[in-house]
Amino acid sequence: MKAAREAWFEGQLDLDPDAVVFIDETATATNMARTYGRAPRGERCRLLVPQGHVWTPPRVQAKFLDGRCA
């Protein structure tokens, strides 16, 4: 395992940093909504909270070293 890890690391040294793209994948469950909120005194705090089926929408983003995102 150590040899494989070292071989992988040595292979990374040949990569062009401008050609590297970082893939960021995350998700947020719709049942993680806030149950408390803030509002001016005397006004009701109105929050939109999804009801029913819990859905986890995925979010995928590609990030480049020059700051671009896709």
Protein backbone atom coordinates (compact mmCIF):
# COMPACT_ATOMS: atom_id res chain seq x y z
CA MET A 1 0.00 0.00 0.00
CA LYS A 2 2.84 2.38 0.83
CA ALA A 3 4.45 1.77 -2.57
CA ALA A 4 1.15 2.43 -4.36
CA ARG A 5 0.67 5.66 -2.41
CA GLU A 6 4.19 6.84 -3.28
CA ALA A 7 3.68 5.96 -6.97
CA TRP A 8 0.41 7.93 -7.02
CA PHE A 9 2.11 10.94 -5.43
CA GLU A 10 5.01 10.86 -7.89
CA GLY A 11 2.52 10.74 -10.77
CA GLN A 12 0.93 13.96 -9.50
CA LEU A 13 4.18 15.89 -9.96
CA ASP A 14 3.86 15.65 -13.76
CA LEU A 15 0.40 17.28 -13.87
CA ASP A 16 -0.04 20.77 -15.27
CA PRO A 17 -1.65 22.88 -12.48
CA ASP A 18 -3.61 24.90 -15.06
CA ALA A 19 -5.25 21.70 -16.33
CA VAL A 20 -6.39 20.50 -12.89
CA VAL A 21 -10.12 20.72 -12.14
CA PHE A 22 -11.47 20.14 -8.64
CA ILE A 23 -14.91 18.51 -8.47
CA ASP A 24 -16.99 19.51 -5.45
CA GLU A 25 -20.11 17.42 -4.84
CA THR A 26 -22.42 18.03 -1.92
CA ALA A 27 -26.11 17.75 -1.04
CA THR A 28 -28.54 19.30 1.41
CA ALA A 29 -31.61 17.53 2.75
CA THR A 30 -34.84 19.50 2.53
CA ASN A 31 -35.83 18.47 6.05
CA MET A 32 -32.95 20.51 7.49
CA ALA A 33 -35.00 23.72 7.47
CA ARG A 34 -34.78 26.27 10.26
CA THR A 35 -37.45 25.99 12.92
CA TYR A 36 -36.79 29.45 14.36
CA GLY A 37 -36.30 32.85 12.74
CA ARG A 38 -36.07 36.58 13.44
CA ALA A 39 -38.53 39.35 12.69
CA PRO A 40 -39.03 42.93 13.87
CA ARG A 41 -40.91 43.24 17.15
CA GLY A 42 -44.63 42.83 16.63
CA GLU A 43 -44.29 41.14 13.22
CA ARG A 44 -44.65 37.46 12.43
CA CYS A 45 -41.58 35.62 11.17
CA ARG A 46 -42.56 33.91 7.93
CA LEU A 47 -40.36 31.07 6.71
CA LEU A 48 -40.92 28.79 3.75
CA VAL A 49 -40.41 25.20 4.82
CA PRO A 50 -40.83 22.24 2.45
CA GLN A 51 -43.59 19.87 3.48
CA GLY A 52 -43.93 16.19 2.76
CA HIS A 53 -41.32 14.10 0.97
CA VAL A 54 -37.71 14.67 2.00
CA TRP A 55 -35.57 15.32 -1.07
CA THR A 56 -31.80 15.67 -1.17
CA PRO A 57 -30.89 17.79 -4.21
CA PRO A 58 -27.27 17.19 -5.28
CA ARG A 59 -24.97 20.07 -6.06
CA VAL A 60 -21.95 19.50 -8.27
CA GLN A 61 -19.44 22.21 -9.09
CA ALA A 62 -16.14 22.22 -10.98
CA LYS A 63 -13.51 24.65 -9.73
CA PHE A 64 -10.41 25.76 -11.61
CA LEU A 65 -7.24 27.24 -10.12
CA ASP A 66 -7.81 30.55 -11.93
CA GLY A 67 -11.09 31.05 -10.05
CA ARG A 68 -13.53 29.92 -12.74
CA CYS A 69 -16.42 27.69 -11.72
CA ALA A 70 -18.61 25.49 -13.86
